[in-house]
Amino acid sequence: MATPSQIQAPGQVVVRFKAIGNAPIMKTNYFRITAFNRFQAVIQFLRKELNFKPSDALFLYINASFSPAPDDTVGNLFRCFGTEGHLIVNYSTTAAWG
């Protein structure tokens, strides 16, 4: 994943991460990911960026409302729930919505 430019690249989705509660805040929270990737790739990427261990709790939500299945594609989630040209992914260390 790379830091996005203002122009959406074909076949890519801009993912914006937003911390909830006591979750650590990222210095850079906009990233581009290939639309064909599964949401599991987003989960793995965020765990790596936050230096979380596999045993650390991490909850992800789309638009502060629901937790997508790991096998959903990023492009499909963006088409259905994209906001202002981004796919907003909220993350927390405790269950928040869903």
N, C-alpha and C. Protein backbone atom coordinates (compact mmCIF):
# COMPACT_ATOMS: atom_id res chain seq x y z
N MET A 1 0.85 -1.17 0.00
CA MET A 1 0.00 0.00 0.00
C MET A 1 0.89 1.24 0.00
N ALA A 2 0.45 2.26 -0.65
CA ALA A 2 1.23 3.50 -0.76
C ALA A 2 0.37 4.69 -0.36
N THR A 3 1.02 5.76 0.01
CA THR A 3 0.30 6.98 0.34
C THR A 3 -0.40 7.49 -0.90
N PRO A 4 -1.67 7.88 -0.80
CA PRO A 4 -2.41 8.26 -2.00
C PRO A 4 -2.13 9.68 -2.44
N SER A 5 -2.35 9.91 -3.71
CA SER A 5 -2.39 11.28 -4.22
C SER A 5 -3.85 11.69 -4.21
N GLN A 6 -4.15 12.91 -4.58
CA GLN A 6 -5.53 13.37 -4.59
C GLN A 6 -6.33 12.70 -5.71
N ILE A 7 -5.67 12.20 -6.73
CA ILE A 7 -6.36 11.57 -7.86
C ILE A 7 -6.43 10.06 -7.62
N GLN A 8 -7.64 9.51 -7.73
CA GLN A 8 -7.85 8.09 -7.54
C GLN A 8 -7.26 7.33 -8.72
N ALA A 9 -6.35 6.40 -8.45
CA ALA A 9 -5.75 5.59 -9.50
C ALA A 9 -6.74 4.51 -9.93
N PRO A 10 -6.78 4.19 -11.22
CA PRO A 10 -7.69 3.14 -11.68
C PRO A 10 -7.38 1.81 -10.98
N GLY A 11 -8.42 1.14 -10.53
CA GLY A 11 -8.23 -0.16 -9.88
C GLY A 11 -7.75 -0.07 -8.45
N GLN A 12 -7.70 1.14 -7.90
CA GLN A 12 -7.27 1.30 -6.52
C GLN A 12 -8.31 2.07 -5.73
N VAL A 13 -8.32 1.84 -4.42
CA VAL A 13 -9.25 2.49 -3.51
C VAL A 13 -8.43 3.20 -2.43
N VAL A 14 -8.83 4.42 -2.10
CA VAL A 14 -8.19 5.13 -1.00
C VAL A 14 -8.91 4.72 0.28
N VAL A 15 -8.14 4.15 1.21
CA VAL A 15 -8.67 3.73 2.49
C VAL A 15 -8.22 4.74 3.54
N ARG A 16 -9.18 5.24 4.31
CA ARG A 16 -8.87 6.19 5.39
C ARG A 16 -9.15 5.52 6.72
N PHE A 17 -8.10 5.42 7.54
CA PHE A 17 -8.23 4.80 8.85
C PHE A 17 -8.53 5.86 9.91
N LYS A 18 -9.50 5.56 10.78
CA LYS A 18 -9.86 6.45 11.89
C LYS A 18 -9.85 5.65 13.18
N ALA A 19 -9.06 6.10 14.15
CA ALA A 19 -9.00 5.43 15.45
C ALA A 19 -10.25 5.72 16.26
N ILE A 20 -10.66 4.73 17.05
CA ILE A 20 -11.81 4.86 17.95
C ILE A 20 -11.31 4.57 19.37
N GLY A 21 -11.81 5.33 20.32
CA GLY A 21 -11.48 5.08 21.72
C GLY A 21 -10.00 5.21 22.00
N ASN A 22 -9.43 4.18 22.64
CA ASN A 22 -8.03 4.24 23.03
C ASN A 22 -7.09 3.60 22.00
N ALA A 23 -7.56 3.35 20.81
CA ALA A 23 -6.71 2.77 19.76
C ALA A 23 -5.61 3.77 19.39
N PRO A 24 -4.42 3.28 19.10
CA PRO A 24 -3.34 4.19 18.72
C PRO A 24 -3.65 4.92 17.41
N ILE A 25 -3.29 6.19 17.35
CA ILE A 25 -3.53 7.00 16.16
C ILE A 25 -2.33 6.89 15.24
N MET A 26 -2.59 6.70 13.95
CA MET A 26 -1.52 6.58 12.96
C MET A 26 -1.09 7.96 12.48
N LYS A 27 0.20 8.12 12.18
CA LYS A 27 0.69 9.39 11.65
C LYS A 27 0.10 9.65 10.27
N THR A 28 0.09 8.64 9.43
CA THR A 28 -0.52 8.71 8.10
C THR A 28 -1.74 7.81 8.14
N ASN A 29 -2.89 8.34 7.76
CA ASN A 29 -4.08 7.51 7.84
C ASN A 29 -4.78 7.30 6.50
N TYR A 30 -4.18 7.75 5.40
CA TYR A 30 -4.70 7.51 4.05
C TYR A 30 -3.75 6.58 3.32
N PHE A 31 -4.28 5.52 2.74
CA PHE A 31 -3.47 4.57 1.98
C PHE A 31 -4.27 4.11 0.77
N ARG A 32 -3.56 3.77 -0.30
CA ARG A 32 -4.21 3.19 -1.48
C ARG A 32 -4.01 1.69 -1.46
N ILE A 33 -5.06 0.98 -1.83
CA ILE A 33 -4.98 -0.47 -1.91
C ILE A 33 -5.70 -0.91 -3.18
N THR A 34 -5.22 -1.97 -3.76
CA THR A 34 -5.83 -2.51 -4.97
C THR A 34 -7.26 -2.97 -4.67
N ALA A 35 -8.18 -2.58 -5.52
CA ALA A 35 -9.60 -2.86 -5.32
C ALA A 35 -9.90 -4.36 -5.26
N PHE A 36 -9.07 -5.18 -5.90
CA PHE A 36 -9.33 -6.62 -5.93
C PHE A 36 -8.89 -7.33 -4.66
N ASN A 37 -8.14 -6.64 -3.79
CA ASN A 37 -7.71 -7.25 -2.53
C ASN A 37 -8.90 -7.54 -1.64
N ARG A 38 -8.79 -8.56 -0.86
CA ARG A 38 -9.81 -8.89 0.14
C ARG A 38 -9.61 -8.00 1.35
N PHE A 39 -10.66 -7.82 2.15
CA PHE A 39 -10.56 -6.98 3.34
C PHE A 39 -9.55 -7.55 4.32
N GLN A 40 -9.29 -8.84 4.26
CA GLN A 40 -8.27 -9.47 5.11
C GLN A 40 -6.92 -8.79 4.91
N ALA A 41 -6.61 -8.35 3.69
CA ALA A 41 -5.35 -7.65 3.43
C ALA A 41 -5.30 -6.32 4.19
N VAL A 42 -6.43 -5.65 4.32
CA VAL A 42 -6.51 -4.40 5.08
C VAL A 42 -6.26 -4.69 6.55
N ILE A 43 -6.85 -5.74 7.07
CA ILE A 43 -6.67 -6.13 8.47
C ILE A 43 -5.19 -6.41 8.74
N GLN A 44 -4.56 -7.20 7.88
CA GLN A 44 -3.15 -7.55 8.05
C GLN A 44 -2.26 -6.31 7.96
N PHE A 45 -2.55 -5.43 7.01
CA PHE A 45 -1.77 -4.20 6.85
C PHE A 45 -1.87 -3.34 8.10
N LEU A 46 -3.08 -3.16 8.63
CA LEU A 46 -3.26 -2.32 9.81
C LEU A 46 -2.55 -2.92 11.02
N ARG A 47 -2.63 -4.22 11.20
CA ARG A 47 -1.92 -4.88 12.30
C ARG A 47 -0.42 -4.60 12.20
N LYS A 48 0.12 -4.67 10.99
CA LYS A 48 1.55 -4.42 10.78
C LYS A 48 1.89 -2.96 11.09
N GLU A 49 1.07 -2.01 10.60
CA GLU A 49 1.31 -0.59 10.83
C GLU A 49 1.26 -0.22 12.32
N LEU A 50 0.38 -0.88 13.06
CA LEU A 50 0.22 -0.59 14.48
C LEU A 50 1.14 -1.43 15.36
N ASN A 51 1.93 -2.31 14.74
CA ASN A 51 2.83 -3.22 15.47
C ASN A 51 2.07 -4.08 16.47
N PHE A 52 0.89 -4.55 16.05
CA PHE A 52 0.08 -5.41 16.90
C PHE A 52 0.52 -6.86 16.74
N LYS A 53 0.49 -7.60 17.84
CA LYS A 53 0.76 -9.03 17.82
C LYS A 53 -0.52 -9.75 17.38
N PRO A 54 -0.41 -10.98 16.91
CA PRO A 54 -1.63 -11.72 16.52
C PRO A 54 -2.62 -11.87 17.67
N SER A 55 -2.13 -11.84 18.91
CA SER A 55 -3.02 -12.00 20.07
C SER A 55 -3.68 -10.68 20.49
N ASP A 56 -3.22 -9.54 19.96
CA ASP A 56 -3.81 -8.24 20.31
C ASP A 56 -5.17 -8.07 19.64
N ALA A 57 -6.14 -7.60 20.41
CA ALA A 57 -7.49 -7.39 19.88
C ALA A 57 -7.51 -6.20 18.92
N LEU A 58 -8.17 -6.38 17.78
CA LEU A 58 -8.34 -5.30 16.81
C LEU A 58 -9.69 -5.49 16.13
N PHE A 59 -10.53 -4.47 16.18
CA PHE A 59 -11.85 -4.50 15.58
C PHE A 59 -11.90 -3.44 14.49
N LEU A 60 -12.37 -3.80 13.30
CA LEU A 60 -12.48 -2.87 12.19
C LEU A 60 -13.93 -2.74 11.77
N TYR A 61 -14.32 -1.51 11.42
CA TYR A 61 -15.69 -1.21 11.01
C TYR A 61 -15.68 -0.31 9.79
N ILE A 62 -16.67 -0.46 8.95
CA ILE A 62 -16.85 0.41 7.79
C ILE A 62 -17.85 1.50 8.19
N ASN A 63 -17.46 2.77 7.99
CA ASN A 63 -18.32 3.92 8.28
C ASN A 63 -18.95 3.87 9.67
N ALA A 64 -18.19 3.41 10.64
CA ALA A 64 -18.64 3.37 12.04
C ALA A 64 -19.96 2.63 12.21
N SER A 65 -20.18 1.59 11.40
CA SER A 65 -21.47 0.90 11.53
C SER A 65 -21.39 -0.62 11.53
N PHE A 66 -20.57 -1.24 10.71
CA PHE A 66 -20.56 -2.70 10.66
C PHE A 66 -19.16 -3.22 10.37
N SER A 67 -18.95 -4.46 10.73
CA SER A 67 -17.67 -5.12 10.51
C SER A 67 -17.79 -6.02 9.28
N PRO A 68 -17.04 -5.74 8.21
CA PRO A 68 -17.17 -6.55 7.00
C PRO A 68 -16.51 -7.92 7.15
N ALA A 69 -16.93 -8.85 6.32
CA ALA A 69 -16.31 -10.16 6.30
C ALA A 69 -14.91 -10.05 5.71
N PRO A 70 -13.95 -10.80 6.22
CA PRO A 70 -12.58 -10.73 5.71
C PRO A 70 -12.46 -11.07 4.22
N ASP A 71 -13.42 -11.82 3.67
CA ASP A 71 -13.33 -12.18 2.25
C ASP A 71 -14.05 -11.21 1.32
N ASP A 72 -14.67 -10.14 1.85
CA ASP A 72 -15.23 -9.09 1.00
C ASP A 72 -14.10 -8.39 0.27
N THR A 73 -14.34 -7.97 -0.97
CA THR A 73 -13.29 -7.24 -1.68
C THR A 73 -13.36 -5.76 -1.33
N VAL A 74 -12.21 -5.13 -1.33
CA VAL A 74 -12.12 -3.71 -1.01
C VAL A 74 -12.91 -2.89 -2.02
N GLY A 75 -12.82 -3.25 -3.29
CA GLY A 75 -13.55 -2.52 -4.33
C GLY A 75 -15.05 -2.59 -4.14
N ASN A 76 -15.58 -3.74 -3.78
CA ASN A 76 -17.01 -3.88 -3.56
C ASN A 76 -17.45 -3.07 -2.34
N LEU A 77 -16.67 -3.10 -1.28
CA LEU A 77 -16.99 -2.29 -0.10
C LEU A 77 -16.99 -0.81 -0.44
N PHE A 78 -16.03 -0.39 -1.26
CA PHE A 78 -15.95 1.02 -1.67
C PHE A 78 -17.17 1.41 -2.51
N ARG A 79 -17.54 0.56 -3.47
CA ARG A 79 -18.70 0.86 -4.33
C ARG A 79 -19.98 1.00 -3.50
N CYS A 80 -20.12 0.17 -2.48
CA CYS A 80 -21.34 0.18 -1.68
C CYS A 80 -21.32 1.21 -0.55
N PHE A 81 -20.14 1.46 0.03
CA PHE A 81 -20.08 2.27 1.25
C PHE A 81 -19.05 3.39 1.20
N GLY A 82 -18.49 3.67 0.03
CA GLY A 82 -17.49 4.74 -0.09
C GLY A 82 -18.10 6.09 0.26
N THR A 83 -17.30 6.94 0.88
CA THR A 83 -17.72 8.27 1.30
C THR A 83 -16.68 9.28 0.84
N GLU A 84 -17.09 10.27 0.06
CA GLU A 84 -16.22 11.34 -0.41
C GLU A 84 -14.92 10.81 -1.05
N GLY A 85 -15.06 9.74 -1.82
CA GLY A 85 -13.91 9.18 -2.53
C GLY A 85 -13.00 8.30 -1.70
N HIS A 86 -13.42 7.97 -0.47
CA HIS A 86 -12.63 7.13 0.42
C HIS A 86 -13.47 5.98 0.95
N LEU A 87 -12.80 4.94 1.37
CA LEU A 87 -13.43 3.90 2.15
C LEU A 87 -12.98 4.15 3.58
N ILE A 88 -13.88 4.57 4.44
CA ILE A 88 -13.52 4.90 5.82
C ILE A 88 -13.57 3.64 6.66
N VAL A 89 -12.43 3.32 7.28
CA VAL A 89 -12.29 2.15 8.13
C VAL A 89 -11.96 2.63 9.54
N ASN A 90 -12.91 2.44 10.45
CA ASN A 90 -12.68 2.76 11.86
C ASN A 90 -12.05 1.54 12.52
N TYR A 91 -11.13 1.77 13.45
CA TYR A 91 -10.50 0.65 14.14
C TYR A 91 -10.43 0.93 15.63
N SER A 92 -10.51 -0.14 16.40
CA SER A 92 -10.55 -0.03 17.85
C SER A 92 -9.92 -1.27 18.49
N THR A 93 -9.52 -1.13 19.74
CA THR A 93 -8.98 -2.28 20.46
C THR A 93 -10.08 -2.98 21.27
N THR A 94 -11.27 -2.41 21.28
CA THR A 94 -12.43 -3.03 21.94
C THR A 94 -13.62 -2.97 20.99
N ALA A 95 -14.58 -3.85 21.17
CA ALA A 95 -15.77 -3.85 20.30
C ALA A 95 -16.52 -2.53 20.48
N ALA A 96 -16.89 -1.90 19.35
CA ALA A 96 -17.54 -0.60 19.42
C ALA A 96 -18.92 -0.60 18.77
N TRP A 97 -19.03 -1.11 17.57
CA TRP A 97 -20.31 -1.17 16.85
C TRP A 97 -20.45 -2.55 16.25
N GLY A 98 -21.60 -2.81 15.67
CA GLY A 98 -21.72 -4.02 14.90
C GLY A 98 -22.81 -4.89 15.32
